[in-house]
C-alpha atoms as a PDB file:
ATOM      1  CA  UNK A   1      21.182  11.327  11.897  1.00  0.00           C
ATOM      2  CA  UNK A   2      17.560  11.847  12.978  1.00  0.00           C
ATOM      3  CA  UNK A   3      16.819  11.663  16.688  1.00  0.00           C
ATOM      4  CA  UNK A   4      14.650   8.528  16.366  1.00  0.00           C
ATOM      5  CA  UNK A   5      17.386   6.740  14.418  1.00  0.00           C
ATOM      6  CA  UNK A   6      19.838   7.607  17.169  1.00  0.00           C
ATOM      7  CA  UNK A   7      17.450   6.141  19.752  1.00  0.00           C
ATOM      8  CA  UNK A   8      17.030   2.956  17.721  1.00  0.00           C
ATOM      9  CA  UNK A   9      20.790   2.542  17.222  1.00  0.00           C
ATOM     10  CA  UNK A  10      21.656   3.320  20.856  1.00  0.00           C
ATOM     11  CA  UNK A  11      19.062   0.833  22.083  1.00  0.00           C
ATOM     12  CA  UNK A  12      20.380  -1.746  19.596  1.00  0.00           C
ATOM     13  CA  UNK A  13      23.919  -1.278  20.886  1.00  0.00           C
ATOM     14  CA  UNK A  14      22.678  -1.647  24.468  1.00  0.00           C
ATOM     15  CA  UNK A  15      20.964  -4.917  23.578  1.00  0.00           C
ATOM     16  CA  UNK A  16      24.114  -6.082  21.789  1.00  0.00           C
ATOM     17  CA  UNK A  17      26.107  -5.436  24.961  1.00  0.00           C
ATOM     18  CA  UNK A  18      23.583  -7.272  27.132  1.00  0.00           C
ATOM     19  CA  UNK A  19      23.324 -10.182  24.699  1.00  0.00           C
ATOM     20  CA  UNK A  20      27.098 -10.585  24.416  1.00  0.00           C
ATOM     21  CA  UNK A  21      27.482 -10.340  28.206  1.00  0.00           C
ATOM     22  CA  UNK A  22      24.890 -13.048  28.789  1.00  0.00           C
ATOM     23  CA  UNK A  23      26.479 -15.203  26.088  1.00  0.00           C
ATOM     24  CA  UNK A  24      29.933 -14.750  27.617  1.00  0.00           C
ATOM     25  CA  UNK A  25      28.636 -15.712  31.053  1.00  0.00           C
ATOM     26  CA  UNK A  26      27.030 -18.868  29.687  1.00  0.00           C
ATOM     27  CA  UNK A  27      30.170 -19.743  27.724  1.00  0.00           C
ATOM     28  CA  UNK A  28      32.366 -19.227  30.793  1.00  0.00           C
ATOM     29  CA  UNK A  29      29.942 -21.377  32.777  1.00  0.00           C
ATOM     30  CA  UNK A  30      30.618 -24.251  30.350  1.00  0.00           C
ATOM     31  CA  UNK A  31      34.334 -24.192  31.127  1.00  0.00           C
ATOM     32  CA  UNK A  32      34.227 -23.286  34.803  1.00  0.00           C
ATOM     33  CA  UNK A  33      30.838 -24.070  36.343  1.00  0.00           C
ATOM     34  CA  UNK A  34      29.843 -20.872  38.117  1.00  0.00           C
ATOM     35  CA  UNK A  35      26.163 -21.429  38.812  1.00  0.00           C
ATOM     36  CA  UNK A  36      23.601 -23.747  37.225  1.00  0.00           C
ATOM     37  CA  UNK A  37      21.018 -20.952  37.000  1.00  0.00           C
ATOM     38  CA  UNK A  38      23.154 -19.092  34.450  1.00  0.00           C
ATOM     39  CA  UNK A  39      21.562 -21.254  31.756  1.00  0.00           C
ATOM     40  CA  UNK A  40      18.303 -19.404  32.418  1.00  0.00           C
ATOM     41  CA  UNK A  41      19.929 -16.479  30.578  1.00  0.00           C
ATOM     42  CA  UNK A  42      19.714 -18.309  27.244  1.00  0.00           C
ATOM     43  CA  UNK A  43      16.221 -17.084  26.245  1.00  0.00           C
ATOM     44  CA  UNK A  44      17.153 -13.498  27.185  1.00  0.00           C
ATOM     45  CA  UNK A  45      20.428 -13.842  25.263  1.00  0.00           C
ATOM     46  CA  UNK A  46      18.523 -14.943  22.153  1.00  0.00           C
ATOM     47  CA  UNK A  47      15.807 -12.279  22.547  1.00  0.00           C
ATOM     48  CA  UNK A  48      18.285  -9.446  23.097  1.00  0.00           C
ATOM     49  CA  UNK A  49      20.399 -10.360  20.092  1.00  0.00           C
ATOM     50  CA  UNK A  50      17.617 -11.357  17.691  1.00  0.00           C
ATOM     51  CA  UNK A  51      15.047  -8.654  18.345  1.00  0.00           C
ATOM     52  CA  UNK A  52      16.888  -6.115  20.460  1.00  0.00           C
ATOM     53  CA  UNK A  53      20.011  -5.878  18.313  1.00  0.00           C
ATOM     54  CA  UNK A  54      19.086  -7.019  14.822  1.00  0.00           C
ATOM     55  CA  UNK A  55      15.524  -5.728  14.383  1.00  0.00           C
ATOM     56  CA  UNK A  56      16.153  -2.510  16.267  1.00  0.00           C
ATOM     57  CA  UNK A  57      19.264  -1.705  14.233  1.00  0.00           C
ATOM     58  CA  UNK A  58      17.370  -2.447  11.004  1.00  0.00           C
ATOM     59  CA  UNK A  59      14.565  -0.099  12.062  1.00  0.00           C
ATOM     60  CA  UNK A  60      17.016   2.670  12.950  1.00  0.00           C
ATOM     61  CA  UNK A  61      18.940   2.437   9.702  1.00  0.00           C
ATOM     62  CA  UNK A  62      15.755   2.124   7.621  1.00  0.00           C
ATOM     63  CA  UNK A  63      14.268   5.208   9.269  1.00  0.00           C
ATOM     64  CA  UNK A  64      17.424   7.136   8.482  1.00  0.00           C
ATOM     65  CA  UNK A  65      18.017   5.820   4.927  1.00  0.00           C
ATOM     66  CA  UNK A  66      14.540   5.627   3.382  1.00  0.00           C
ATOM     67  CA  UNK A  67      13.789   8.530   1.046  1.00  0.00           C
ATOM     68  CA  UNK A  68      12.251  11.720   2.361  1.00  0.00           C
ATOM     69  CA  UNK A  69       9.873  13.958   0.513  1.00  0.00           C
ATOM     70  CA  UNK A  70      11.699  17.290   0.467  1.00  0.00           C
ATOM     71  CA  UNK A  71      12.651  17.537   4.148  1.00  0.00           C
ATOM     72  CA  UNK A  72       9.826  15.489   5.687  1.00  0.00           C
ATOM     73  CA  UNK A  73       9.925  11.890   6.869  1.00  0.00           C
ATOM     74  CA  UNK A  74       6.164  11.729   7.150  1.00  0.00           C
ATOM     75  CA  UNK A  75       4.156  11.055  10.300  1.00  0.00           C
ATOM     76  CA  UNK A  76       6.615  10.058  13.021  1.00  0.00           C
ATOM     77  CA  UNK A  77       4.041   8.718  15.466  1.00  0.00           C
ATOM     78  CA  UNK A  78       3.969   5.165  14.022  1.00  0.00           C
ATOM     79  CA  UNK A  79       7.782   5.041  14.055  1.00  0.00           C
ATOM     80  CA  UNK A  80       7.940   6.160  17.691  1.00  0.00           C
ATOM     81  CA  UNK A  81       5.188   3.672  18.507  1.00  0.00           C
ATOM     82  CA  UNK A  82       7.308   0.960  16.866  1.00  0.00           C
ATOM     83  CA  UNK A  83      10.241   1.889  19.113  1.00  0.00           C
ATOM     84  CA  UNK A  84       8.120   1.753  22.263  1.00  0.00           C
ATOM     85  CA  UNK A  85       6.239  -1.415  21.272  1.00  0.00           C
ATOM     86  CA  UNK A  86       9.389  -3.292  20.261  1.00  0.00           C
ATOM     87  CA  UNK A  87      11.227  -2.515  23.483  1.00  0.00           C
ATOM     88  CA  UNK A  88       8.144  -3.236  25.589  1.00  0.00           C
ATOM     89  CA  UNK A  89       7.708  -6.567  23.825  1.00  0.00           C
ATOM     90  CA  UNK A  90      11.343  -7.541  24.307  1.00  0.00           C
ATOM     91  CA  UNK A  91      11.255  -6.840  28.026  1.00  0.00           C
ATOM     92  CA  UNK A  92       7.889  -8.532  28.495  1.00  0.00           C
ATOM     93  CA  UNK A  93       9.202 -11.714  26.855  1.00  0.00           C
ATOM     94  CA  UNK A  94      12.459 -11.629  28.840  1.00  0.00           C
ATOM     95  CA  UNK A  95      10.865 -10.873  32.213  1.00  0.00           C
ATOM     96  CA  UNK A  96       8.157 -13.471  31.610  1.00  0.00           C
ATOM     97  CA  UNK A  97      10.815 -16.091  30.954  1.00  0.00           C
ATOM     98  CA  UNK A  98      12.954 -15.143  33.941  1.00  0.00           C
ATOM     99  CA  UNK A  99      10.162 -15.003  36.468  1.00  0.00           C
ATOM    100  CA  UNK A 100       8.285 -18.032  35.138  1.00  0.00           C
ATOM    101  CA  UNK A 101       5.362 -15.669  34.662  1.00  0.00           C
ATOM    102  CA  UNK A 102       2.104 -16.653  33.074  1.00  0.00           C
ATOM    103  CA  UNK A 103       2.189 -17.864  29.481  1.00  0.00           C
ATOM    104  CA  UNK A 104       0.250 -14.817  28.327  1.00  0.00           C
ATOM    105  CA  UNK A 105       3.329 -12.639  29.071  1.00  0.00           C
ATOM    106  CA  UNK A 106       5.210 -14.377  26.284  1.00  0.00           C
ATOM    107  CA  UNK A 107       2.218 -14.126  23.957  1.00  0.00           C
ATOM    108  CA  UNK A 108       1.684 -10.452  24.821  1.00  0.00           C
ATOM    109  CA  UNK A 109       5.375  -9.708  24.300  1.00  0.00           C
ATOM    110  CA  UNK A 110       5.381 -11.363  20.893  1.00  0.00           C
ATOM    111  CA  UNK A 111       2.184  -9.528  20.008  1.00  0.00           C
ATOM    112  CA  UNK A 112       3.830  -6.216  20.935  1.00  0.00           C
ATOM    113  CA  UNK A 113       6.810  -7.093  18.733  1.00  0.00           C
ATOM    114  CA  UNK A 114       4.527  -7.892  15.795  1.00  0.00           C
ATOM    115  CA  UNK A 115       2.613  -4.653  16.425  1.00  0.00           C
ATOM    116  CA  UNK A 116       5.940  -2.784  16.376  1.00  0.00           C
ATOM    117  CA  UNK A 117       6.757  -4.263  12.981  1.00  0.00           C
ATOM    118  CA  UNK A 118       3.317  -3.316  11.689  1.00  0.00           C
ATOM    119  CA  UNK A 119       3.645   0.233  13.053  1.00  0.00           C
ATOM    120  CA  UNK A 120       7.044   0.631  11.412  1.00  0.00           C
ATOM    121  CA  UNK A 121       5.626  -0.688   8.132  1.00  0.00           C
ATOM    122  CA  UNK A 122       2.800   1.863   8.355  1.00  0.00           C
ATOM    123  CA  UNK A 123       5.395   4.599   8.697  1.00  0.00           C
ATOM    124  CA  UNK A 124       7.812   3.305   6.061  1.00  0.00           C
ATOM    125  CA  UNK A 125       5.366   2.196   3.365  1.00  0.00           C
ATOM    126  CA  UNK A 126       4.618   5.671   1.940  1.00  0.00           C
ATOM    127  CA  UNK A 127       8.355   6.413   1.776  1.00  0.00           C
ATOM    128  CA  UNK A 128       9.055   3.449  -0.509  1.00  0.00           C
ATOM    129  CA  UNK A 129       8.468   4.387  -4.115  1.00  0.00           C
ATOM    130  CA  UNK A 130       9.245   2.353  -7.222  1.00  0.00           C
ATOM    131  CA  UNK A 131      12.133   3.457  -9.346  1.00  0.00           C
ATOM    132  CA  UNK A 132      10.829   4.721 -12.664  1.00  0.00           C
ATOM    133  CA  UNK A 133      13.259   4.631 -15.543  1.00  0.00           C
ATOM    134  CA  UNK A 134      13.048   7.643 -17.755  1.00  0.00           C
ATOM    135  CA  UNK A 135      12.210   6.883 -21.372  1.00  0.00           C
ATOM    136  CA  UNK A 136      13.649   8.945 -24.175  1.00  0.00           C
END
């Protein structure tokens, strides 16, 4: 497994752990009220599982699985940028929600996530080639 794929998958598993932990705390809070502020974890729970787990795992597997040309995966800088932008966007959205930060934090976080998807597409696009059936 390439190093970047390992980073994507490890980060995805970390977000899965955080998302499940926050979800478990909120679920336990429904049965036994622990603290009313636990419901403020809901946006982070959604963000960690939707973008942190799902998108990050998809990026890691796609980077690993997409075809290579001989032994090269192409320019890795956009893929690394996607990793950094996606994680920066996730944390900016989560911290903006927790701290009741300015509304531009949420917008900037979402913009970073969209930029991460664009950067990954820039990396992956040349690796996707149409299947050409041989004619006899």
